[in-house]
Amino acid sequence: MVYLSHYEEYPIYEPAEGGYYYAGNSLVKSERMSERQAKKKLAEIWKNVQKENELLSAVERWAMSNDKRGVYKSSRYIGEGESIIIERHKGSEERGWEPYE
């Protein structure tokens, strides 16, 4: 069994070294299913977002990963992307604030 998970990015501000932003990633929704079902559903999602790509600018676009296990939306701004991926462990792609060292 695997998880088909939807993640959304959010901007994180780090004040060190004059300040900069980087993206955090939070789990929005996750559904447990067989790998075959997850691949089929991801293929349907990819088919639908290809239509959306025609409406988006060249900077904000959906793309399929090379291994066909994820669909990613890029954005020109940090923290505005999102992704829908197949993963074995729920929440494995979550990341947030990391202390500056």
PDB file of N, CA and C in Angstrom:
ATOM      1  N   MET A   1       0.837  -1.178   0.000  1.00  0.00           N
ATOM      2  CA  MET A   1       0.000   0.000   0.000  1.00  0.00           C
ATOM      3  C   MET A   1       0.891   1.254   0.000  1.00  0.00           C
ATOM      4  N   VAL A   2       0.406   2.254  -0.711  1.00  0.00           N
ATOM      5  CA  VAL A   2       1.112   3.534  -0.802  1.00  0.00           C
ATOM      6  C   VAL A   2       0.118   4.664  -0.516  1.00  0.00           C
ATOM      7  N   TYR A   3       0.645   5.876  -0.457  1.00  0.00           N
ATOM      8  CA  TYR A   3      -0.190   7.048  -0.241  1.00  0.00           C
ATOM      9  C   TYR A   3      -0.102   7.958  -1.455  1.00  0.00           C
ATOM     10  N   LEU A   4      -1.241   8.459  -1.883  1.00  0.00           N
ATOM     11  CA  LEU A   4      -1.277   9.508  -2.884  1.00  0.00           C
ATOM     12  C   LEU A   4      -1.500  10.796  -2.101  1.00  0.00           C
ATOM     13  N   SER A   5      -0.478  11.646  -2.054  1.00  0.00           N
ATOM     14  CA  SER A   5      -0.475  12.805  -1.158  1.00  0.00           C
ATOM     15  C   SER A   5      -0.393  14.117  -1.919  1.00  0.00           C
ATOM     16  N   HIS A   6      -1.103  15.100  -1.407  1.00  0.00           N
ATOM     17  CA  HIS A   6      -1.097  16.447  -1.967  1.00  0.00           C
ATOM     18  C   HIS A   6      -0.367  17.369  -0.986  1.00  0.00           C
ATOM     19  N   TYR A   7       0.665  18.041  -1.465  1.00  0.00           N
ATOM     20  CA  TYR A   7       1.460  18.965  -0.654  1.00  0.00           C
ATOM     21  C   TYR A   7       1.347  20.375  -1.221  1.00  0.00           C
ATOM     22  N   GLU A   8       1.389  21.346  -0.333  1.00  0.00           N
ATOM     23  CA  GLU A   8       1.458  22.746  -0.745  1.00  0.00           C
ATOM     24  C   GLU A   8       2.659  23.396  -0.070  1.00  0.00           C
ATOM     25  N   GLU A   9       3.354  24.232  -0.826  1.00  0.00           N
ATOM     26  CA  GLU A   9       4.495  24.959  -0.278  1.00  0.00           C
ATOM     27  C   GLU A   9       4.022  26.238   0.402  1.00  0.00           C
ATOM     28  N   TYR A  10       4.840  26.729   1.304  1.00  0.00           N
ATOM     29  CA  TYR A  10       4.602  28.017   1.947  1.00  0.00           C
ATOM     30  C   TYR A  10       5.958  28.677   2.176  1.00  0.00           C
ATOM     31  N   PRO A  11       5.992  30.021   2.145  1.00  0.00           N
ATOM     32  CA  PRO A  11       7.273  30.717   2.299  1.00  0.00           C
ATOM     33  C   PRO A  11       7.701  30.795   3.766  1.00  0.00           C
ATOM     34  N   ILE A  12       8.997  30.640   3.989  1.00  0.00           N
ATOM     35  CA  ILE A  12       9.590  30.772   5.322  1.00  0.00           C
ATOM     36  C   ILE A  12      10.672  31.843   5.218  1.00  0.00           C
ATOM     37  N   TYR A  13      10.625  32.802   6.119  1.00  0.00           N
ATOM     38  CA  TYR A  13      11.618  33.876   6.121  1.00  0.00           C
ATOM     39  C   TYR A  13      12.694  33.574   7.146  1.00  0.00           C
ATOM     40  N   GLU A  14      13.949  33.641   6.734  1.00  0.00           N
ATOM     41  CA  GLU A  14      15.098  33.451   7.620  1.00  0.00           C
ATOM     42  C   GLU A  14      15.830  34.788   7.706  1.00  0.00           C
ATOM     43  N   PRO A  15      15.845  35.433   8.883  1.00  0.00           N
ATOM     44  CA  PRO A  15      16.447  36.760   8.997  1.00  0.00           C
ATOM     45  C   PRO A  15      17.979  36.777   8.976  1.00  0.00           C
ATOM     46  N   ALA A  16      18.635  35.628   9.106  1.00  0.00           N
ATOM     47  CA  ALA A  16      20.101  35.588   9.133  1.00  0.00           C
ATOM     48  C   ALA A  16      20.683  36.059   7.798  1.00  0.00           C
ATOM     49  N   GLU A  17      21.873  36.603   7.855  1.00  0.00           N
ATOM     50  CA  GLU A  17      22.632  37.051   6.683  1.00  0.00           C
ATOM     51  C   GLU A  17      21.837  38.009   5.795  1.00  0.00           C
ATOM     52  N   GLY A  18      21.143  38.928   6.406  1.00  0.00           N
ATOM     53  CA  GLY A  18      20.405  39.917   5.635  1.00  0.00           C
ATOM     54  C   GLY A  18      19.003  39.489   5.269  1.00  0.00           C
ATOM     55  N   GLY A  19      18.651  38.270   5.524  1.00  0.00           N
ATOM     56  CA  GLY A  19      17.305  37.780   5.285  1.00  0.00           C
ATOM     57  C   GLY A  19      17.130  37.130   3.924  1.00  0.00           C
ATOM     58  N   TYR A  20      16.462  36.021   3.913  1.00  0.00           N
ATOM     59  CA  TYR A  20      16.122  35.331   2.672  1.00  0.00           C
ATOM     60  C   TYR A  20      14.921  34.428   2.923  1.00  0.00           C
ATOM     61  N   TYR A  21      14.284  34.011   1.843  1.00  0.00           N
ATOM     62  CA  TYR A  21      13.127  33.126   1.922  1.00  0.00           C
ATOM     63  C   TYR A  21      13.477  31.757   1.359  1.00  0.00           C
ATOM     64  N   TYR A  22      12.847  30.736   1.900  1.00  0.00           N
ATOM     65  CA  TYR A  22      12.908  29.403   1.314  1.00  0.00           C
ATOM     66  C   TYR A  22      11.550  28.748   1.508  1.00  0.00           C
ATOM     67  N   ALA A  23      11.300  27.664   0.796  1.00  0.00           N
ATOM     68  CA  ALA A  23       9.979  27.047   0.800  1.00  0.00           C
ATOM     69  C   ALA A  23       9.882  25.926   1.826  1.00  0.00           C
ATOM     70  N   GLY A  24       8.792  25.932   2.563  1.00  0.00           N
ATOM     71  CA  GLY A  24       8.412  24.816   3.410  1.00  0.00           C
ATOM     72  C   GLY A  24       7.379  23.996   2.641  1.00  0.00           C
ATOM     73  N   ASN A  25       7.096  22.805   3.081  1.00  0.00           N
ATOM     74  CA  ASN A  25       6.173  21.922   2.380  1.00  0.00           C
ATOM     75  C   ASN A  25       5.248  21.276   3.399  1.00  0.00           C
ATOM     76  N   SER A  26       3.936  21.459   3.267  1.00  0.00           N
ATOM     77  CA  SER A  26       3.020  20.864   4.235  1.00  0.00           C
ATOM     78  C   SER A  26       2.037  19.922   3.534  1.00  0.00           C
ATOM     79  N   LEU A  27       1.716  18.850   4.215  1.00  0.00           N
ATOM     80  CA  LEU A  27       0.780  17.850   3.716  1.00  0.00           C
ATOM     81  C   LEU A  27      -0.638  18.389   3.856  1.00  0.00           C
ATOM     82  N   VAL A  28      -1.369  18.409   2.762  1.00  0.00           N
ATOM     83  CA  VAL A  28      -2.737  18.906   2.760  1.00  0.00           C
ATOM     84  C   VAL A  28      -3.720  17.747   2.865  1.00  0.00           C
ATOM     85  N   LYS A  29      -3.485  16.718   2.050  1.00  0.00           N
ATOM     86  CA  LYS A  29      -4.397  15.583   1.993  1.00  0.00           C
ATOM     87  C   LYS A  29      -3.623  14.354   1.567  1.00  0.00           C
ATOM     88  N   SER A  30      -3.987  13.202   2.115  1.00  0.00           N
ATOM     89  CA  SER A  30      -3.327  11.959   1.752  1.00  0.00           C
ATOM     90  C   SER A  30      -4.352  10.832   1.755  1.00  0.00           C
ATOM     91  N   GLU A  31      -4.241   9.960   0.775  1.00  0.00           N
ATOM     92  CA  GLU A  31      -5.175   8.844   0.654  1.00  0.00           C
ATOM     93  C   GLU A  31      -4.390   7.551   0.463  1.00  0.00           C
ATOM     94  N   ARG A  32      -4.710   6.543   1.258  1.00  0.00           N
ATOM     95  CA  ARG A  32      -4.018   5.253   1.169  1.00  0.00           C
ATOM     96  C   ARG A  32      -4.715   4.374   0.146  1.00  0.00           C
ATOM     97  N   MET A  33      -3.918   3.763  -0.727  1.00  0.00           N
ATOM     98  CA  MET A  33      -4.466   2.892  -1.771  1.00  0.00           C
ATOM     99  C   MET A  33      -3.364   1.988  -2.303  1.00  0.00           C
ATOM    100  N   SER A  34      -3.744   1.077  -3.180  1.00  0.00           N
ATOM    101  CA  SER A  34      -2.745   0.200  -3.785  1.00  0.00           C
ATOM    102  C   SER A  34      -1.907   1.011  -4.771  1.00  0.00           C
ATOM    103  N   GLU A  35      -0.739   0.512  -5.086  1.00  0.00           N
ATOM    104  CA  GLU A  35       0.148   1.233  -6.003  1.00  0.00           C
ATOM    105  C   GLU A  35      -0.485   1.358  -7.390  1.00  0.00           C
ATOM    106  N   ARG A  36      -1.165   0.339  -7.818  1.00  0.00           N
ATOM    107  CA  ARG A  36      -1.822   0.366  -9.133  1.00  0.00           C
ATOM    108  C   ARG A  36      -2.903   1.457  -9.168  1.00  0.00           C
ATOM    109  N   GLN A  37      -3.718   1.538  -8.113  1.00  0.00           N
ATOM    110  CA  GLN A  37      -4.754   2.571  -8.033  1.00  0.00           C
ATOM    111  C   GLN A  37      -4.128   3.966  -8.005  1.00  0.00           C
ATOM    112  N   ALA A  38      -3.042   4.108  -7.250  1.00  0.00           N
ATOM    113  CA  ALA A  38      -2.381   5.412  -7.130  1.00  0.00           C
ATOM    114  C   ALA A  38      -1.822   5.862  -8.474  1.00  0.00           C
ATOM    115  N   LYS A  39      -1.206   4.953  -9.211  1.00  0.00           N
ATOM    116  CA  LYS A  39      -0.663   5.307 -10.529  1.00  0.00           C
ATOM    117  C   LYS A  39      -1.776   5.694 -11.492  1.00  0.00           C
ATOM    118  N   LYS A  40      -2.895   4.972 -11.416  1.00  0.00           N
ATOM    119  CA  LYS A  40      -4.030   5.270 -12.290  1.00  0.00           C
ATOM    120  C   LYS A  40      -4.614   6.644 -11.958  1.00  0.00           C
ATOM    121  N   LYS A  41      -4.773   6.925 -10.680  1.00  0.00           N
ATOM    122  CA  LYS A  41      -5.329   8.213 -10.266  1.00  0.00           C
ATOM    123  C   LYS A  41      -4.375   9.356 -10.605  1.00  0.00           C
ATOM    124  N   LEU A  42      -3.064   9.143 -10.429  1.00  0.00           N
ATOM    125  CA  LEU A  42      -2.074  10.169 -10.772  1.00  0.00           C
ATOM    126  C   LEU A  42      -2.091  10.448 -12.281  1.00  0.00           C
ATOM    127  N   ALA A  43      -2.277   9.400 -13.087  1.00  0.00           N
ATOM    128  CA  ALA A  43      -2.366   9.588 -14.540  1.00  0.00           C
ATOM    129  C   ALA A  43      -3.593  10.434 -14.892  1.00  0.00           C
ATOM    130  N   GLU A  44      -4.710  10.223 -14.193  1.00  0.00           N
ATOM    131  CA  GLU A  44      -5.907  11.029 -14.421  1.00  0.00           C
ATOM    132  C   GLU A  44      -5.660  12.486 -14.028  1.00  0.00           C
ATOM    133  N   ILE A  45      -5.005  12.685 -12.897  1.00  0.00           N
ATOM    134  CA  ILE A  45      -4.684  14.040 -12.446  1.00  0.00           C
ATOM    135  C   ILE A  45      -3.789  14.725 -13.467  1.00  0.00           C
ATOM    136  N   TRP A  46      -2.780  14.010 -13.966  1.00  0.00           N
ATOM    137  CA  TRP A  46      -1.866  14.576 -14.959  1.00  0.00           C
ATOM    138  C   TRP A  46      -2.621  14.982 -16.222  1.00  0.00           C
ATOM    139  N   LYS A  47      -3.569  14.155 -16.623  1.00  0.00           N
ATOM    140  CA  LYS A  47      -4.368  14.461 -17.809  1.00  0.00           C
ATOM    141  C   LYS A  47      -5.148  15.759 -17.601  1.00  0.00           C
ATOM    142  N   ASN A  48      -5.701  15.946 -16.405  1.00  0.00           N
ATOM    143  CA  ASN A  48      -6.475  17.156 -16.105  1.00  0.00           C
ATOM    144  C   ASN A  48      -5.599  18.402 -16.000  1.00  0.00           C
ATOM    145  N   VAL A  49      -4.423  18.283 -15.401  1.00  0.00           N
ATOM    146  CA  VAL A  49      -3.575  19.476 -15.239  1.00  0.00           C
ATOM    147  C   VAL A  49      -2.907  19.886 -16.551  1.00  0.00           C
ATOM    148  N   GLN A  50      -2.819  18.979 -17.501  1.00  0.00           N
ATOM    149  CA  GLN A  50      -2.281  19.365 -18.799  1.00  0.00           C
ATOM    150  C   GLN A  50      -3.189  20.400 -19.458  1.00  0.00           C
ATOM    151  N   LYS A  51      -4.489  20.279 -19.231  1.00  0.00           N
ATOM    152  CA  LYS A  51      -5.428  21.283 -19.737  1.00  0.00           C
ATOM    153  C   LYS A  51      -5.198  22.616 -19.030  1.00  0.00           C
ATOM    154  N   GLU A  52      -4.913  22.574 -17.734  1.00  0.00           N
ATOM    155  CA  GLU A  52      -4.661  23.788 -16.964  1.00  0.00           C
ATOM    156  C   GLU A  52      -3.369  24.466 -17.418  1.00  0.00           C
ATOM    157  N   ASN A  53      -2.390  23.680 -17.862  1.00  0.00           N
ATOM    158  CA  ASN A  53      -1.115  24.237 -18.323  1.00  0.00           C
ATOM    159  C   ASN A  53      -1.306  25.232 -19.456  1.00  0.00           C
ATOM    160  N   GLU A  54      -2.324  25.008 -20.277  1.00  0.00           N
ATOM    161  CA  GLU A  54      -2.569  25.903 -21.400  1.00  0.00           C
ATOM    162  C   GLU A  54      -2.973  27.295 -20.918  1.00  0.00           C
ATOM    163  N   LEU A  55      -3.582  27.364 -19.729  1.00  0.00           N
ATOM    164  CA  LEU A  55      -4.042  28.640 -19.191  1.00  0.00           C
ATOM    165  C   LEU A  55      -2.989  29.345 -18.350  1.00  0.00           C
ATOM    166  N   LEU A  56      -2.000  28.609 -17.851  1.00  0.00           N
ATOM    167  CA  LEU A  56      -0.984  29.181 -16.970  1.00  0.00           C
ATOM    168  C   LEU A  56       0.128  29.839 -17.768  1.00  0.00           C
ATOM    169  N   SER A  57       0.865  30.716 -17.123  1.00  0.00           N
ATOM    170  CA  SER A  57       2.006  31.353 -17.773  1.00  0.00           C
ATOM    171  C   SER A  57       3.148  30.344 -17.912  1.00  0.00           C
ATOM    172  N   ALA A  58       4.182  30.729 -18.623  1.00  0.00           N
ATOM    173  CA  ALA A  58       5.328  29.844 -18.824  1.00  0.00           C
ATOM    174  C   ALA A  58       6.090  29.598 -17.523  1.00  0.00           C
ATOM    175  N   VAL A  59       5.947  30.505 -16.548  1.00  0.00           N
ATOM    176  CA  VAL A  59       6.682  30.379 -15.297  1.00  0.00           C
ATOM    177  C   VAL A  59       5.964  29.455 -14.317  1.00  0.00           C
ATOM    178  N   GLU A  60       4.647  29.479 -14.330  1.00  0.00           N
ATOM    179  CA  GLU A  60       3.861  28.627 -13.447  1.00  0.00           C
ATOM    180  C   GLU A  60       3.287  27.488 -14.267  1.00  0.00           C
ATOM    181  N   ARG A  61       3.849  26.302 -14.111  1.00  0.00           N
ATOM    182  CA  ARG A  61       3.403  25.162 -14.916  1.00  0.00           C
ATOM    183  C   ARG A  61       3.445  23.877 -14.103  1.00  0.00           C
ATOM    184  N   TRP A  62       2.617  22.948 -14.498  1.00  0.00           N
ATOM    185  CA  TRP A  62       2.642  21.603 -13.926  1.00  0.00           C
ATOM    186  C   TRP A  62       3.598  20.748 -14.744  1.00  0.00           C
ATOM    187  N   ALA A  63       4.299  19.829 -14.081  1.00  0.00           N
ATOM    188  CA  ALA A  63       5.220  18.925 -14.769  1.00  0.00           C
ATOM    189  C   ALA A  63       5.184  17.556 -14.098  1.00  0.00           C
ATOM    190  N   MET A  64       5.377  16.516 -14.885  1.00  0.00           N
ATOM    191  CA  MET A  64       5.433  15.148 -14.370  1.00  0.00           C
ATOM    192  C   MET A  64       6.887  14.823 -14.063  1.00  0.00           C
ATOM    193  N   SER A  65       7.127  14.137 -12.951  1.00  0.00           N
ATOM    194  CA  SER A  65       8.500  13.752 -12.610  1.00  0.00           C
ATOM    195  C   SER A  65       8.995  12.684 -13.580  1.00  0.00           C
ATOM    196  N   ASN A  66      10.291  12.530 -13.654  1.00  0.00           N
ATOM    197  CA  ASN A  66      10.880  11.562 -14.578  1.00  0.00           C
ATOM    198  C   ASN A  66      10.474  10.123 -14.277  1.00  0.00           C
ATOM    199  N   ASP A  67      10.291   9.810 -13.003  1.00  0.00           N
ATOM    200  CA  ASP A  67       9.926   8.435 -12.641  1.00  0.00           C
ATOM    201  C   ASP A  67       8.408   8.217 -12.615  1.00  0.00           C
ATOM    202  N   LYS A  68       7.639   9.205 -13.053  1.00  0.00           N
ATOM    203  CA  LYS A  68       6.173   9.123 -13.146  1.00  0.00           C
ATOM    204  C   LYS A  68       5.508   8.885 -11.798  1.00  0.00           C
ATOM    205  N   ARG A  69       6.130   9.341 -10.708  1.00  0.00           N
ATOM    206  CA  ARG A  69       5.563   9.149  -9.377  1.00  0.00           C
ATOM    207  C   ARG A  69       5.132  10.460  -8.733  1.00  0.00           C
ATOM    208  N   GLY A  70       5.086  11.530  -9.524  1.00  0.00           N
ATOM    209  CA  GLY A  70       4.667  12.799  -8.962  1.00  0.00           C
ATOM    210  C   GLY A  70       4.378  13.837 -10.025  1.00  0.00           C
ATOM    211  N   VAL A  71       3.472  14.750  -9.681  1.00  0.00           N
ATOM    212  CA  VAL A  71       3.128  15.882 -10.520  1.00  0.00           C
ATOM    213  C   VAL A  71       3.414  17.127  -9.691  1.00  0.00           C
ATOM    214  N   TYR A  72       4.174  18.060 -10.256  1.00  0.00           N
ATOM    215  CA  TYR A  72       4.641  19.228  -9.508  1.00  0.00           C
ATOM    216  C   TYR A  72       4.243  20.509 -10.217  1.00  0.00           C
ATOM    217  N   LYS A  73       3.812  21.508  -9.441  1.00  0.00           N
ATOM    218  CA  LYS A  73       3.505  22.823  -9.990  1.00  0.00           C
ATOM    219  C   LYS A  73       4.585  23.784  -9.529  1.00  0.00           C
ATOM    220  N   SER A  74       5.256  24.395 -10.482  1.00  0.00           N
ATOM    221  CA  SER A  74       6.287  25.375 -10.158  1.00  0.00           C
ATOM    222  C   SER A  74       5.649  26.762 -10.148  1.00  0.00           C
ATOM    223  N   SER A  75       6.329  27.691  -9.520  1.00  0.00           N
ATOM    224  CA  SER A  75       5.842  29.060  -9.445  1.00  0.00           C
ATOM    225  C   SER A  75       7.029  30.012  -9.469  1.00  0.00           C
ATOM    226  N   ARG A  76       6.786  31.219  -9.886  1.00  0.00           N
ATOM    227  CA  ARG A  76       7.869  32.205  -9.904  1.00  0.00           C
ATOM    228  C   ARG A  76       8.192  32.702  -8.505  1.00  0.00           C
ATOM    229  N   TYR A  77       7.279  32.507  -7.555  1.00  0.00           N
ATOM    230  CA  TYR A  77       7.484  32.978  -6.188  1.00  0.00           C
ATOM    231  C   TYR A  77       7.771  31.814  -5.243  1.00  0.00           C
ATOM    232  N   ILE A  78       8.659  32.039  -4.315  1.00  0.00           N
ATOM    233  CA  ILE A  78       9.019  31.020  -3.337  1.00  0.00           C
ATOM    234  C   ILE A  78       7.817  30.729  -2.454  1.00  0.00           C
ATOM    235  N   GLY A  79       7.515  29.448  -2.291  1.00  0.00           N
ATOM    236  CA  GLY A  79       6.448  29.030  -1.399  1.00  0.00           C
ATOM    237  C   GLY A  79       5.066  28.991  -2.013  1.00  0.00           C
ATOM    238  N   GLU A  80       4.957  29.046  -3.332  1.00  0.00           N
ATOM    239  CA  GLU A  80       3.648  28.989  -3.969  1.00  0.00           C
ATOM    240  C   GLU A  80       3.464  27.744  -4.829  1.00  0.00           C
ATOM    241  N   GLY A  81       4.380  26.799  -4.769  1.00  0.00           N
ATOM    242  CA  GLY A  81       4.261  25.582  -5.548  1.00  0.00           C
ATOM    243  C   GLY A  81       3.393  24.557  -4.841  1.00  0.00           C
ATOM    244  N   GLU A  82       3.096  23.484  -5.534  1.00  0.00           N
ATOM    245  CA  GLU A  82       2.383  22.373  -4.927  1.00  0.00           C
ATOM    246  C   GLU A  82       2.749  21.091  -5.659  1.00  0.00           C
ATOM    247  N   SER A  83       2.422  19.964  -5.061  1.00  0.00           N
ATOM    248  CA  SER A  83       2.752  18.684  -5.672  1.00  0.00           C
ATOM    249  C   SER A  83       1.752  17.617  -5.252  1.00  0.00           C
ATOM    250  N   ILE A  84       1.601  16.626  -6.119  1.00  0.00           N
ATOM    251  CA  ILE A  84       0.797  15.450  -5.834  1.00  0.00           C
ATOM    252  C   ILE A  84       1.706  14.273  -6.145  1.00  0.00           C
ATOM    253  N   ILE A  85       2.020  13.470  -5.127  1.00  0.00           N
ATOM    254  CA  ILE A  85       3.014  12.418  -5.297  1.00  0.00           C
ATOM    255  C   ILE A  85       2.537  11.088  -4.722  1.00  0.00           C
ATOM    256  N   ILE A  86       3.175  10.028  -5.194  1.00  0.00           N
ATOM    257  CA  ILE A  86       2.983   8.689  -4.633  1.00  0.00           C
ATOM    258  C   ILE A  86       4.136   8.460  -3.669  1.00  0.00           C
ATOM    259  N   GLU A  87       3.821   8.119  -2.420  1.00  0.00           N
ATOM    260  CA  GLU A  87       4.867   7.899  -1.419  1.00  0.00           C
ATOM    261  C   GLU A  87       4.522   6.696  -0.544  1.00  0.00           C
ATOM    262  N   ARG A  88       5.554   6.068  -0.023  1.00  0.00           N
ATOM    263  CA  ARG A  88       5.363   4.903   0.847  1.00  0.00           C
ATOM    264  C   ARG A  88       5.038   5.299   2.283  1.00  0.00           C
ATOM    265  N   HIS A  89       5.603   6.394   2.751  1.00  0.00           N
ATOM    266  CA  HIS A  89       5.396   6.857   4.125  1.00  0.00           C
ATOM    267  C   HIS A  89       4.672   8.191   4.103  1.00  0.00           C
ATOM    268  N   LYS A  90       3.516   8.227   4.717  1.00  0.00           N
ATOM    269  CA  LYS A  90       2.690   9.430   4.738  1.00  0.00           C
ATOM    270  C   LYS A  90       3.452  10.594   5.372  1.00  0.00           C
ATOM    271  N   GLY A  91       3.504  11.705   4.655  1.00  0.00           N
ATOM    272  CA  GLY A  91       4.158  12.900   5.170  1.00  0.00           C
ATOM    273  C   GLY A  91       5.661  12.933   5.000  1.00  0.00           C
ATOM    274  N   SER A  92       6.209  12.061   4.189  1.00  0.00           N
ATOM    275  CA  SER A  92       7.668  11.987   4.047  1.00  0.00           C
ATOM    276  C   SER A  92       8.278  13.217   3.377  1.00  0.00           C
ATOM    277  N   GLU A  93       7.482  13.994   2.668  1.00  0.00           N
ATOM    278  CA  GLU A  93       8.001  15.186   1.979  1.00  0.00           C
ATOM    279  C   GLU A  93       7.757  16.470   2.751  1.00  0.00           C
ATOM    280  N   GLU A  94       7.215  16.384   3.965  1.00  0.00           N
ATOM    281  CA  GLU A  94       6.992  17.594   4.748  1.00  0.00           C
ATOM    282  C   GLU A  94       8.321  18.175   5.198  1.00  0.00           C
ATOM    283  N   ARG A  95       8.423  19.484   5.129  1.00  0.00           N
ATOM    284  CA  ARG A  95       9.586  20.174   5.658  1.00  0.00           C
ATOM    285  C   ARG A  95       9.163  21.571   6.087  1.00  0.00           C
ATOM    286  N   GLY A  96       9.867  22.081   7.052  1.00  0.00           N
ATOM    287  CA  GLY A  96       9.496  23.384   7.587  1.00  0.00           C
ATOM    288  C   GLY A  96      10.713  24.192   7.951  1.00  0.00           C
ATOM    289  N   TRP A  97      10.534  25.041   8.956  1.00  0.00           N
ATOM    290  CA  TRP A  97      11.608  25.917   9.392  1.00  0.00           C
ATOM    291  C   TRP A  97      12.797  25.110   9.883  1.00  0.00           C
ATOM    292  N   GLU A  98      13.988  25.485   9.424  1.00  0.00           N
ATOM    293  CA  GLU A  98      15.224  24.841   9.859  1.00  0.00           C
ATOM    294  C   GLU A  98      16.108  25.909  10.480  1.00  0.00           C
ATOM    295  N   PRO A  99      16.565  25.696  11.717  1.00  0.00           N
ATOM    296  CA  PRO A  99      17.378  26.719  12.379  1.00  0.00           C
ATOM    297  C   PRO A  99      18.654  27.009  11.592  1.00  0.00           C
ATOM    298  N   TYR A 100      18.991  28.271  11.491  1.00  0.00           N
ATOM    299  CA  TYR A 100      20.198  28.690  10.776  1.00  0.00           C
ATOM    300  C   TYR A 100      21.412  28.375  11.659  1.00  0.00           C
ATOM    301  N   GLU A 101      22.427  27.805  11.063  1.00  0.00           N
ATOM    302  CA  GLU A 101      23.656  27.489  11.820  1.00  0.00           C
ATOM    303  C   GLU A 101      24.850  28.125  11.202  1.00  0.00           C
TER     304      GLU A 101
END
